Amino acid sequence: MLRLTRLSLSRSDLSEQIKVVTKDCHVRAENTELMLAYQRGDITMEQYKLLLCSLHEIYQALEEALDSNSNHSCVAPIYFPLELARLESLEKDLEHFYGHNWREKIVVPAATKRYVHRLRQIGKDNPEYLVAHAYTRYLGDLSGGTVLGRITQKSLGLKSGEGLLFFSFPGVSSPNRFKQLYRSRMNSIELNHEDRKGVLDEAVRAFELNIQVFDDLQKMLSEMKSETKSDMPSKMERESTSEKLHMTGCTRHLTTHSKLAQGEKLIAKSLQIQPSLINSSPFFRMLLGICVALVTVGMGIYAL
């Protein structure tokens, strides 16, 4: 997977090596449908909420693993819970959108579950690999957080701070200076050749896992849209139903009018009134109408 020689592994800084080996993955991550939507500034509320759900699960697993290995020689130098921890912010954002019972409403795709499983696995078996995931996630969010936060706020019409705490790092006064500090701490970690190669491999894996999460989130969103559309009658079906109701109403109106006309003729015949007189005199037509109504009511009462 990696083309770095043993010599370059020993001489280059770890942060620079991670940049080199993840360059292609980084480009692919930026060109996922979810990230392209962010770049266009047309992120939807459903996209954002689903993203928050997955980020919560990922950061919960990552920060639990970092907390439990905070004294590990490879983790301690890059352990900055006060400055970088995202879990509390994500919980507040989810509560803003879903309410107090937000934990019951979290939905994540299979890729997110695989990511979480991997973080928990290396937290137990290979704590040094957490360096790759912490670097990929935290510095990525710190670098693009301000811009993505503004895009999200504008696209969704959110007020400042409402559901946007994930993008805020109040414990970091200067992102650029902090990133320099973080990289220097990471570069100070002592790793043998095999462990360093393992961390670099894990950095590539971290990007791949994130790409899979982004793709799965879009698939989930598309499926949700399809289900919503299938539950709604199509425009043609609605027009057809409306037309049928209109035709039924017209038929009933014509039938009723025809029956009234027949009733008038029968009563006129029984009273020996000339048809020409009925057609020319509105007064006679009104009288006949009253007679028809009385007969109809009388027949209804008799039937009861």
C-alpha atoms as a PDB file:
ATOM      1  CA  MET A   1       0.000   0.000   0.000  1.00  0.00           C
ATOM      2  CA  LEU A   2       2.832   2.399   0.890  1.00  0.00           C
ATOM      3  CA  ARG A   3       5.798   3.203  -1.336  1.00  0.00           C
ATOM      4  CA  LEU A   4       7.951   4.916   1.281  1.00  0.00           C
ATOM      5  CA  THR A   5      11.401   3.418   1.754  1.00  0.00           C
ATOM      6  CA  ARG A   6      12.868   2.475   5.110  1.00  0.00           C
ATOM      7  CA  LEU A   7      15.172   5.527   4.864  1.00  0.00           C
ATOM      8  CA  SER A   8      12.337   7.983   4.228  1.00  0.00           C
ATOM      9  CA  LEU A   9      10.320   6.417   7.038  1.00  0.00           C
ATOM     10  CA  SER A  10      13.087   7.152   9.484  1.00  0.00           C
ATOM     11  CA  ARG A  11      13.913  10.679   8.301  1.00  0.00           C
ATOM     12  CA  SER A  12      10.532  12.265   7.495  1.00  0.00           C
ATOM     13  CA  ASP A  13       8.179  13.691  10.074  1.00  0.00           C
ATOM     14  CA  LEU A  14       5.147  11.535  10.777  1.00  0.00           C
ATOM     15  CA  SER A  15       2.708  14.351   9.919  1.00  0.00           C
ATOM     16  CA  GLU A  16       4.356  14.851   6.510  1.00  0.00           C
ATOM     17  CA  GLN A  17       4.356  11.127   5.811  1.00  0.00           C
ATOM     18  CA  ILE A  18       0.636  10.951   6.551  1.00  0.00           C
ATOM     19  CA  LYS A  19       0.030  13.807   4.091  1.00  0.00           C
ATOM     20  CA  VAL A  20       1.928  11.938   1.384  1.00  0.00           C
ATOM     21  CA  VAL A  21       0.279   8.545   1.786  1.00  0.00           C
ATOM     22  CA  THR A  22      -3.259   9.974   2.126  1.00  0.00           C
ATOM     23  CA  LYS A  23      -3.060  12.484  -0.733  1.00  0.00           C
ATOM     24  CA  ASP A  24      -5.156  10.437  -3.178  1.00  0.00           C
ATOM     25  CA  CYS A  25      -7.675   9.473  -0.506  1.00  0.00           C
ATOM     26  CA  HIS A  26      -7.987  13.104   0.515  1.00  0.00           C
ATOM     27  CA  VAL A  27      -8.950  14.084  -3.039  1.00  0.00           C
ATOM     28  CA  ARG A  28     -11.499  11.269  -3.229  1.00  0.00           C
ATOM     29  CA  ALA A  29     -13.037  12.298   0.099  1.00  0.00           C
ATOM     30  CA  GLU A  30     -13.444  15.871  -1.136  1.00  0.00           C
ATOM     31  CA  ASN A  31     -15.245  14.592  -4.243  1.00  0.00           C
ATOM     32  CA  THR A  32     -17.873  12.491  -2.504  1.00  0.00           C
ATOM     33  CA  GLU A  33     -21.431  13.664  -3.123  1.00  0.00           C
ATOM     34  CA  LEU A  34     -21.781  14.886   0.457  1.00  0.00           C
ATOM     35  CA  MET A  35     -18.637  17.015   0.348  1.00  0.00           C
ATOM     36  CA  LEU A  36     -19.495  18.356  -3.115  1.00  0.00           C
ATOM     37  CA  ALA A  37     -22.864  19.450  -1.734  1.00  0.00           C
ATOM     38  CA  TYR A  38     -20.986  21.379   0.937  1.00  0.00           C
ATOM     39  CA  GLN A  39     -18.714  22.950  -1.671  1.00  0.00           C
ATOM     40  CA  ARG A  40     -21.785  24.053  -3.674  1.00  0.00           C
ATOM     41  CA  GLY A  41     -23.393  25.388  -0.520  1.00  0.00           C
ATOM     42  CA  ASP A  42     -26.607  23.389  -0.974  1.00  0.00           C
ATOM     43  CA  ILE A  43     -26.486  21.044   2.018  1.00  0.00           C
ATOM     44  CA  THR A  44     -29.962  19.941   3.165  1.00  0.00           C
ATOM     45  CA  MET A  45     -31.260  19.644   6.707  1.00  0.00           C
ATOM     46  CA  GLU A  46     -31.654  15.872   6.352  1.00  0.00           C
ATOM     47  CA  GLN A  47     -28.074  15.525   5.113  1.00  0.00           C
ATOM     48  CA  TYR A  48     -26.761  17.523   8.043  1.00  0.00           C
ATOM     49  CA  LYS A  49     -28.775  15.674  10.669  1.00  0.00           C
ATOM     50  CA  LEU A  50     -27.693  12.275   9.335  1.00  0.00           C
ATOM     51  CA  LEU A  51     -24.081  13.467   9.271  1.00  0.00           C
ATOM     52  CA  LEU A  52     -24.320  14.572  12.907  1.00  0.00           C
ATOM     53  CA  CYS A  53     -25.665  11.152  13.897  1.00  0.00           C
ATOM     54  CA  SER A  54     -22.697   9.374  12.323  1.00  0.00           C
ATOM     55  CA  LEU A  55     -20.179  11.865  13.683  1.00  0.00           C
ATOM     56  CA  HIS A  56     -21.564  11.327  17.176  1.00  0.00           C
ATOM     57  CA  GLU A  57     -21.011   7.570  16.979  1.00  0.00           C
ATOM     58  CA  ILE A  58     -17.530   7.995  15.505  1.00  0.00           C
ATOM     59  CA  TYR A  59     -16.360  10.554  18.034  1.00  0.00           C
ATOM     60  CA  GLN A  60     -17.857   8.640  20.921  1.00  0.00           C
ATOM     61  CA  ALA A  61     -15.773   5.595  19.975  1.00  0.00           C
ATOM     62  CA  LEU A  62     -12.655   7.668  19.239  1.00  0.00           C
ATOM     63  CA  GLU A  63     -12.760   9.708  22.435  1.00  0.00           C
ATOM     64  CA  GLU A  64     -13.524   6.698  24.618  1.00  0.00           C
ATOM     65  CA  ALA A  65     -10.466   4.969  23.122  1.00  0.00           C
ATOM     66  CA  LEU A  66      -8.287   8.074  23.619  1.00  0.00           C
ATOM     67  CA  ASP A  67      -9.485   8.507  27.218  1.00  0.00           C
ATOM     68  CA  SER A  68      -8.746   4.898  28.105  1.00  0.00           C
ATOM     69  CA  ASN A  69      -5.269   5.127  26.528  1.00  0.00           C
ATOM     70  CA  SER A  70      -4.409   8.684  27.598  1.00  0.00           C
ATOM     71  CA  ASN A  71      -1.252   7.485  29.373  1.00  0.00           C
ATOM     72  CA  HIS A  72      -0.008   5.435  26.431  1.00  0.00           C
ATOM     73  CA  SER A  73       3.354   6.666  25.127  1.00  0.00           C
ATOM     74  CA  CYS A  74       1.932   7.263  21.642  1.00  0.00           C
ATOM     75  CA  VAL A  75      -1.379   8.792  22.728  1.00  0.00           C
ATOM     76  CA  ALA A  76      -0.285  11.088  25.579  1.00  0.00           C
ATOM     77  CA  PRO A  77       1.551  13.624  23.349  1.00  0.00           C
ATOM     78  CA  ILE A  78      -1.545  14.242  21.155  1.00  0.00           C
ATOM     79  CA  TYR A  79      -4.180  13.981  23.913  1.00  0.00           C
ATOM     80  CA  PHE A  80      -5.995  17.362  24.039  1.00  0.00           C
ATOM     81  CA  PRO A  81      -9.502  16.695  25.407  1.00  0.00           C
ATOM     82  CA  LEU A  82     -10.166  20.282  26.540  1.00  0.00           C
ATOM     83  CA  GLU A  83      -9.204  21.760  23.185  1.00  0.00           C
ATOM     84  CA  LEU A  84     -10.465  19.140  20.723  1.00  0.00           C
ATOM     85  CA  ALA A  85     -13.181  16.901  22.222  1.00  0.00           C
ATOM     86  CA  ARG A  86     -16.292  16.936  19.993  1.00  0.00           C
ATOM     87  CA  LEU A  87     -18.695  14.585  21.754  1.00  0.00           C
ATOM     88  CA  GLU A  88     -20.365  17.108  24.064  1.00  0.00           C
ATOM     89  CA  SER A  89     -20.882  19.579  21.208  1.00  0.00           C
ATOM     90  CA  LEU A  90     -22.395  16.869  19.011  1.00  0.00           C
ATOM     91  CA  GLU A  91     -24.793  15.849  21.789  1.00  0.00           C
ATOM     92  CA  LYS A  92     -26.021  19.437  22.135  1.00  0.00           C
ATOM     93  CA  ASP A  93     -26.471  19.765  18.375  1.00  0.00           C
ATOM     94  CA  LEU A  94     -28.448  16.516  18.211  1.00  0.00           C
ATOM     95  CA  GLU A  95     -30.633  17.611  21.112  1.00  0.00           C
ATOM     96  CA  HIS A  96     -31.330  20.869  19.279  1.00  0.00           C
ATOM     97  CA  PHE A  97     -32.634  19.019  16.212  1.00  0.00           C
ATOM     98  CA  TYR A  98     -34.187  15.893  17.736  1.00  0.00           C
ATOM     99  CA  GLY A  99     -35.201  16.950  21.260  1.00  0.00           C
ATOM    100  CA  HIS A 100     -34.376  15.441  24.645  1.00  0.00           C
ATOM    101  CA  ASN A 101     -34.870  11.855  23.457  1.00  0.00           C
ATOM    102  CA  TRP A 102     -32.398  12.282  20.582  1.00  0.00           C
ATOM    103  CA  ARG A 103     -30.523   9.091  21.508  1.00  0.00           C
ATOM    104  CA  GLU A 104     -33.578   7.049  20.508  1.00  0.00           C
ATOM    105  CA  LYS A 105     -33.685   8.701  17.089  1.00  0.00           C
ATOM    106  CA  ILE A 106     -30.079   8.244  15.959  1.00  0.00           C
ATOM    107  CA  VAL A 107     -29.793   6.334  12.684  1.00  0.00           C
ATOM    108  CA  VAL A 108     -26.441   5.455  11.113  1.00  0.00           C
ATOM    109  CA  PRO A 109     -25.428   3.432   8.029  1.00  0.00           C
ATOM    110  CA  ALA A 110     -23.387   0.223   8.043  1.00  0.00           C
ATOM    111  CA  ALA A 111     -20.181   2.102   7.158  1.00  0.00           C
ATOM    112  CA  THR A 112     -20.423   4.123  10.370  1.00  0.00           C
ATOM    113  CA  LYS A 113     -20.749   0.936  12.392  1.00  0.00           C
ATOM    114  CA  ARG A 114     -17.655  -0.484  10.692  1.00  0.00           C
ATOM    115  CA  TYR A 115     -15.739   2.697  11.503  1.00  0.00           C
ATOM    116  CA  VAL A 116     -16.819   2.518  15.156  1.00  0.00           C
ATOM    117  CA  HIS A 117     -15.851  -1.143  15.353  1.00  0.00           C
ATOM    118  CA  ARG A 118     -12.387  -0.393  14.002  1.00  0.00           C
ATOM    119  CA  LEU A 119     -11.802   2.411  16.522  1.00  0.00           C
ATOM    120  CA  ARG A 120     -12.791   0.199  19.434  1.00  0.00           C
ATOM    121  CA  GLN A 121     -10.663  -2.636  18.121  1.00  0.00           C
ATOM    122  CA  ILE A 122      -7.443  -0.613  17.865  1.00  0.00           C
ATOM    123  CA  GLY A 123      -8.204   1.068  21.188  1.00  0.00           C
ATOM    124  CA  LYS A 124      -7.781  -2.366  22.739  1.00  0.00           C
ATOM    125  CA  ASP A 125      -5.152  -3.969  20.513  1.00  0.00           C
ATOM    126  CA  ASN A 126      -3.130  -1.174  18.868  1.00  0.00           C
ATOM    127  CA  PRO A 127      -3.441   2.158  20.727  1.00  0.00           C
ATOM    128  CA  GLU A 128      -0.614   3.643  18.641  1.00  0.00           C
ATOM    129  CA  TYR A 129      -2.928   3.512  15.598  1.00  0.00           C
ATOM    130  CA  LEU A 130      -5.246   6.013  17.311  1.00  0.00           C
ATOM    131  CA  VAL A 131      -2.696   8.675  16.326  1.00  0.00           C
ATOM    132  CA  ALA A 132      -3.743   8.284  12.679  1.00  0.00           C
ATOM    133  CA  HIS A 133      -7.473   8.590  13.393  1.00  0.00           C
ATOM    134  CA  ALA A 134      -7.104  11.506  15.815  1.00  0.00           C
ATOM    135  CA  TYR A 135      -4.946  13.401  13.310  1.00  0.00           C
ATOM    136  CA  THR A 136      -7.330  12.700  10.405  1.00  0.00           C
ATOM    137  CA  ARG A 137     -10.474  13.682  12.260  1.00  0.00           C
ATOM    138  CA  TYR A 138      -9.473  16.469  14.620  1.00  0.00           C
ATOM    139  CA  LEU A 139      -7.143  18.430  12.374  1.00  0.00           C
ATOM    140  CA  GLY A 140      -9.516  17.975   9.446  1.00  0.00           C
ATOM    141  CA  ASP A 141     -12.422  19.388  11.445  1.00  0.00           C
ATOM    142  CA  LEU A 142     -10.271  22.155  12.911  1.00  0.00           C
ATOM    143  CA  SER A 143      -9.026  23.173   9.452  1.00  0.00           C
ATOM    144  CA  GLY A 144     -12.386  23.248   7.704  1.00  0.00           C
ATOM    145  CA  GLY A 145     -14.696  23.738  10.653  1.00  0.00           C
ATOM    146  CA  THR A 146     -15.112  27.501  10.348  1.00  0.00           C
ATOM    147  CA  VAL A 147     -15.850  27.421   6.622  1.00  0.00           C
ATOM    148  CA  LEU A 148     -18.184  24.397   6.820  1.00  0.00           C
ATOM    149  CA  GLY A 149     -19.971  25.959   9.772  1.00  0.00           C
ATOM    150  CA  ARG A 150     -20.709  29.127   7.783  1.00  0.00           C
ATOM    151  CA  ILE A 151     -21.898  27.094   4.784  1.00  0.00           C
ATOM    152  CA  THR A 152     -24.193  25.001   6.987  1.00  0.00           C
ATOM    153  CA  GLN A 153     -25.612  28.048   8.726  1.00  0.00           C
ATOM    154  CA  LYS A 154     -26.314  29.845   5.457  1.00  0.00           C
ATOM    155  CA  SER A 155     -27.695  26.809   3.607  1.00  0.00           C
ATOM    156  CA  LEU A 156     -30.073  25.803   6.404  1.00  0.00           C
ATOM    157  CA  GLY A 157     -30.952  29.294   7.616  1.00  0.00           C
ATOM    158  CA  LEU A 158     -29.790  28.545  11.160  1.00  0.00           C
ATOM    159  CA  LYS A 159     -29.181  31.210  13.768  1.00  0.00           C
ATOM    160  CA  SER A 160     -25.675  31.545  15.139  1.00  0.00           C
ATOM    161  CA  GLY A 161     -24.893  28.673  17.504  1.00  0.00           C
ATOM    162  CA  GLU A 162     -28.119  26.763  16.881  1.00  0.00           C
ATOM    163  CA  GLY A 163     -27.137  23.204  15.971  1.00  0.00           C
ATOM    164  CA  LEU A 164     -23.665  24.358  14.900  1.00  0.00           C
ATOM    165  CA  LEU A 165     -21.558  23.701  18.003  1.00  0.00           C
ATOM    166  CA  PHE A 166     -19.696  20.856  16.289  1.00  0.00           C
ATOM    167  CA  PHE A 167     -17.843  23.396  14.157  1.00  0.00           C
ATOM    168  CA  SER A 168     -16.829  25.531  17.133  1.00  0.00           C
ATOM    169  CA  PHE A 169     -13.536  25.041  19.035  1.00  0.00           C
ATOM    170  CA  PRO A 170     -13.730  27.519  21.940  1.00  0.00           C
ATOM    171  CA  GLY A 171     -10.625  26.022  23.545  1.00  0.00           C
ATOM    172  CA  VAL A 172      -8.495  26.858  20.492  1.00  0.00           C
ATOM    173  CA  SER A 173      -7.746  30.571  20.184  1.00  0.00           C
ATOM    174  CA  SER A 174      -5.592  30.217  17.064  1.00  0.00           C
ATOM    175  CA  PRO A 175      -6.253  27.156  14.860  1.00  0.00           C
ATOM    176  CA  ASN A 176      -3.041  27.612  12.879  1.00  0.00           C
ATOM    177  CA  ARG A 177      -0.800  27.813  15.945  1.00  0.00           C
ATOM    178  CA  PHE A 178      -2.576  24.891  17.551  1.00  0.00           C
ATOM    179  CA  LYS A 179      -2.116  22.734  14.445  1.00  0.00           C
ATOM    180  CA  GLN A 180       1.595  23.507  14.516  1.00  0.00           C
ATOM    181  CA  LEU A 181       1.727  22.439  18.165  1.00  0.00           C
ATOM    182  CA  TYR A 182      -0.243  19.266  17.418  1.00  0.00           C
ATOM    183  CA  ARG A 183       2.035  18.277  14.537  1.00  0.00           C
ATOM    184  CA  SER A 184       5.175  18.865  16.574  1.00  0.00           C
ATOM    185  CA  ARG A 185       3.779  16.705  19.380  1.00  0.00           C
ATOM    186  CA  MET A 186       2.853  13.985  16.907  1.00  0.00           C
ATOM    187  CA  ASN A 187       6.276  14.113  15.272  1.00  0.00           C
ATOM    188  CA  SER A 188       7.883  13.641  18.671  1.00  0.00           C
ATOM    189  CA  ILE A 189       6.271  10.212  19.117  1.00  0.00           C
ATOM    190  CA  GLU A 190       8.877   7.476  18.993  1.00  0.00           C
ATOM    191  CA  LEU A 191       7.908   4.620  16.679  1.00  0.00           C
ATOM    192  CA  ASN A 192       9.938   1.739  15.330  1.00  0.00           C
ATOM    193  CA  HIS A 193       9.814   0.983  11.627  1.00  0.00           C
ATOM    194  CA  GLU A 194       6.944  -1.502  11.814  1.00  0.00           C
ATOM    195  CA  ASP A 195       4.786   0.649  14.111  1.00  0.00           C
ATOM    196  CA  ARG A 196       5.315   3.710  11.936  1.00  0.00           C
ATOM    197  CA  LYS A 197       4.306   1.790   8.839  1.00  0.00           C
ATOM    198  CA  GLY A 198       1.266   0.531  10.727  1.00  0.00           C
ATOM    199  CA  VAL A 199       0.251   4.097  11.646  1.00  0.00           C
ATOM    200  CA  LEU A 200       0.598   5.225   8.028  1.00  0.00           C
ATOM    201  CA  ASP A 201      -1.473   2.286   6.816  1.00  0.00           C
ATOM    202  CA  GLU A 202      -4.062   3.184   9.441  1.00  0.00           C
ATOM    203  CA  ALA A 203      -4.177   6.790   8.216  1.00  0.00           C
ATOM    204  CA  VAL A 204      -5.118   5.532   4.744  1.00  0.00           C
ATOM    205  CA  ARG A 205      -7.709   3.259   6.349  1.00  0.00           C
ATOM    206  CA  ALA A 206      -9.128   6.227   8.279  1.00  0.00           C
ATOM    207  CA  PHE A 207      -9.705   8.147   5.044  1.00  0.00           C
ATOM    208  CA  GLU A 208     -11.246   5.091   3.385  1.00  0.00           C
ATOM    209  CA  LEU A 209     -13.619   4.631   6.315  1.00  0.00           C
ATOM    210  CA  ASN A 210     -14.677   8.276   6.136  1.00  0.00           C
ATOM    211  CA  ILE A 211     -15.301   8.010   2.390  1.00  0.00           C
ATOM    212  CA  GLN A 212     -17.466   4.932   2.959  1.00  0.00           C
ATOM    213  CA  VAL A 213     -19.446   6.794   5.627  1.00  0.00           C
ATOM    214  CA  PHE A 214     -20.067   9.751   3.286  1.00  0.00           C
ATOM    215  CA  ASP A 215     -21.199   7.442   0.474  1.00  0.00           C
ATOM    216  CA  ASP A 216     -23.463   5.398   2.753  1.00  0.00           C
ATOM    217  CA  LEU A 217     -25.070   8.539   4.141  1.00  0.00           C
ATOM    218  CA  GLN A 218     -26.012   9.633   0.618  1.00  0.00           C
ATOM    219  CA  LYS A 219     -27.431   6.179  -0.151  1.00  0.00           C
ATOM    220  CA  MET A 220     -29.464   6.294   3.044  1.00  0.00           C
ATOM    221  CA  LEU A 221     -30.782   9.736   2.154  1.00  0.00           C
ATOM    222  CA  SER A 222     -31.749   8.586  -1.351  1.00  0.00           C
ATOM    223  CA  GLU A 223     -33.592   5.581   0.064  1.00  0.00           C
ATOM    224  CA  MET A 224     -35.475   7.795   2.512  1.00  0.00           C
ATOM    225  CA  LYS A 225     -36.523  10.099  -0.343  1.00  0.00           C
ATOM    226  CA  SER A 226     -37.676   7.133  -2.438  1.00  0.00           C
ATOM    227  CA  GLU A 227     -39.775   5.780   0.431  1.00  0.00           C
ATOM    228  CA  THR A 228     -41.369   9.191   0.951  1.00  0.00           C
ATOM    229  CA  LYS A 229     -42.226   9.488  -2.735  1.00  0.00           C
ATOM    230  CA  SER A 230     -43.705   5.968  -2.875  1.00  0.00           C
ATOM    231  CA  ASP A 231     -46.033   6.811   0.012  1.00  0.00           C
ATOM    232  CA  MET A 232     -47.429   9.833  -1.856  1.00  0.00           C
ATOM    233  CA  PRO A 233     -49.938   9.480  -4.766  1.00  0.00           C
ATOM    234  CA  SER A 234     -48.555  10.685  -8.053  1.00  0.00           C
ATOM    235  CA  LYS A 235     -49.864  13.822  -9.750  1.00  0.00           C
ATOM    236  CA  MET A 236     -51.506  11.691 -12.446  1.00  0.00           C
ATOM    237  CA  GLU A 237     -53.243   9.556  -9.818  1.00  0.00           C
ATOM    238  CA  ARG A 238     -54.504  12.661  -8.006  1.00  0.00           C
ATOM    239  CA  GLU A 239     -55.776  14.197 -11.258  1.00  0.00           C
ATOM    240  CA  SER A 240     -57.455  10.922 -12.221  1.00  0.00           C
ATOM    241  CA  THR A 241     -59.180  10.670  -8.848  1.00  0.00           C
ATOM    242  CA  SER A 242     -60.294  14.298  -9.034  1.00  0.00           C
ATOM    243  CA  GLU A 243     -61.630  13.786 -12.563  1.00  0.00           C
ATOM    244  CA  LYS A 244     -63.566  10.680 -11.496  1.00  0.00           C
ATOM    245  CA  LEU A 245     -65.140  12.560  -8.586  1.00  0.00           C
ATOM    246  CA  HIS A 246     -66.065  15.432 -10.912  1.00  0.00           C
ATOM    247  CA  MET A 247     -67.634  13.052 -13.458  1.00  0.00           C
ATOM    248  CA  THR A 248     -69.554  11.256 -10.714  1.00  0.00           C
ATOM    249  CA  GLY A 249     -70.900  14.573  -9.455  1.00  0.00           C
ATOM    250  CA  CYS A 250     -71.932  15.618 -12.951  1.00  0.00           C
ATOM    251  CA  THR A 251     -73.667  12.279 -13.558  1.00  0.00           C
ATOM    252  CA  ARG A 252     -75.574  12.555 -10.303  1.00  0.00           C
ATOM    253  CA  HIS A 253     -76.599  16.125 -11.165  1.00  0.00           C
ATOM    254  CA  LEU A 254     -77.835  15.123 -14.622  1.00  0.00           C
ATOM    255  CA  THR A 255     -79.686  12.102 -13.216  1.00  0.00           C
ATOM    256  CA  THR A 256     -81.395  14.210 -10.579  1.00  0.00           C
ATOM    257  CA  HIS A 257     -82.324  16.882 -13.143  1.00  0.00           C
ATOM    258  CA  SER A 258     -83.723  14.203 -15.484  1.00  0.00           C
ATOM    259  CA  LYS A 259     -85.803  12.652 -12.703  1.00  0.00           C
ATOM    260  CA  LEU A 260     -87.206  16.054 -11.737  1.00  0.00           C
ATOM    261  CA  ALA A 261     -88.109  16.770 -15.358  1.00  0.00           C
ATOM    262  CA  GLN A 262     -89.873  13.391 -15.628  1.00  0.00           C
ATOM    263  CA  GLY A 263     -91.764  14.103 -12.412  1.00  0.00           C
ATOM    264  CA  GLU A 264     -92.920  17.443 -13.727  1.00  0.00           C
ATOM    265  CA  LYS A 265     -94.213  15.833 -16.933  1.00  0.00           C
ATOM    266  CA  LEU A 266     -96.129  13.135 -15.047  1.00  0.00           C
ATOM    267  CA  ILE A 267     -97.773  15.606 -12.697  1.00  0.00           C
ATOM    268  CA  ALA A 268     -98.584  17.953 -15.592  1.00  0.00           C
ATOM    269  CA  LYS A 269    -100.193  15.064 -17.494  1.00  0.00           C
ATOM    270  CA  SER A 270    -102.250  14.018 -14.475  1.00  0.00           C
ATOM    271  CA  LEU A 271    -103.473  17.598 -14.042  1.00  0.00           C
ATOM    272  CA  GLN A 272    -104.136  17.863 -17.808  1.00  0.00           C
ATOM    273  CA  ILE A 273    -101.870  20.884 -18.241  1.00  0.00           C
ATOM    274  CA  GLN A 274    -100.531  21.586 -21.709  1.00  0.00           C
ATOM    275  CA  PRO A 275     -96.728  21.187 -22.042  1.00  0.00           C
ATOM    276  CA  SER A 276     -96.509  24.453 -24.027  1.00  0.00           C
ATOM    277  CA  LEU A 277     -97.994  26.295 -21.052  1.00  0.00           C
ATOM    278  CA  ILE A 278     -95.388  24.807 -18.685  1.00  0.00           C
ATOM    279  CA  ASN A 279     -92.481  25.810 -20.930  1.00  0.00           C
ATOM    280  CA  SER A 280     -93.723  29.374 -21.377  1.00  0.00           C
ATOM    281  CA  SER A 281     -94.688  30.069 -17.754  1.00  0.00           C
ATOM    282  CA  PRO A 282     -92.127  30.111 -14.949  1.00  0.00           C
ATOM    283  CA  PHE A 283     -94.999  30.219 -12.451  1.00  0.00           C
ATOM    284  CA  PHE A 284     -96.331  26.809 -13.561  1.00  0.00           C
ATOM    285  CA  ARG A 285     -92.807  25.342 -13.487  1.00  0.00           C
ATOM    286  CA  MET A 286     -92.389  26.516  -9.886  1.00  0.00           C
ATOM    287  CA  LEU A 287     -95.726  24.961  -8.878  1.00  0.00           C
ATOM    288  CA  LEU A 288     -94.856  21.680 -10.516  1.00  0.00           C
ATOM    289  CA  GLY A 289     -91.482  21.689  -8.737  1.00  0.00           C
ATOM    290  CA  ILE A 290     -93.202  22.082  -5.387  1.00  0.00           C
ATOM    291  CA  CYS A 291     -95.573  19.242  -6.243  1.00  0.00           C
ATOM    292  CA  VAL A 292     -92.674  16.954  -7.179  1.00  0.00           C
ATOM    293  CA  ALA A 293     -90.933  17.764  -3.902  1.00  0.00           C
ATOM    294  CA  LEU A 294     -94.070  17.043  -1.872  1.00  0.00           C
ATOM    295  CA  VAL A 295     -94.625  13.749  -3.642  1.00  0.00           C
ATOM    296  CA  THR A 296     -90.980  12.737  -3.087  1.00  0.00           C
ATOM    297  CA  VAL A 297     -91.139  13.536   0.624  1.00  0.00           C
ATOM    298  CA  GLY A 298     -94.447  11.742   0.917  1.00  0.00           C
ATOM    299  CA  MET A 299     -93.077   8.621  -0.735  1.00  0.00           C
ATOM    300  CA  GLY A 300     -90.040   8.725   1.608  1.00  0.00           C
ATOM    301  CA  ILE A 301     -92.232   8.891   4.704  1.00  0.00           C
ATOM    302  CA  TYR A 302     -94.422   6.120   3.394  1.00  0.00           C
ATOM    303  CA  ALA A 303     -91.386   3.942   2.770  1.00  0.00           C
ATOM    304  CA  LEU A 304     -90.325   4.370   6.431  1.00  0.00           C
END
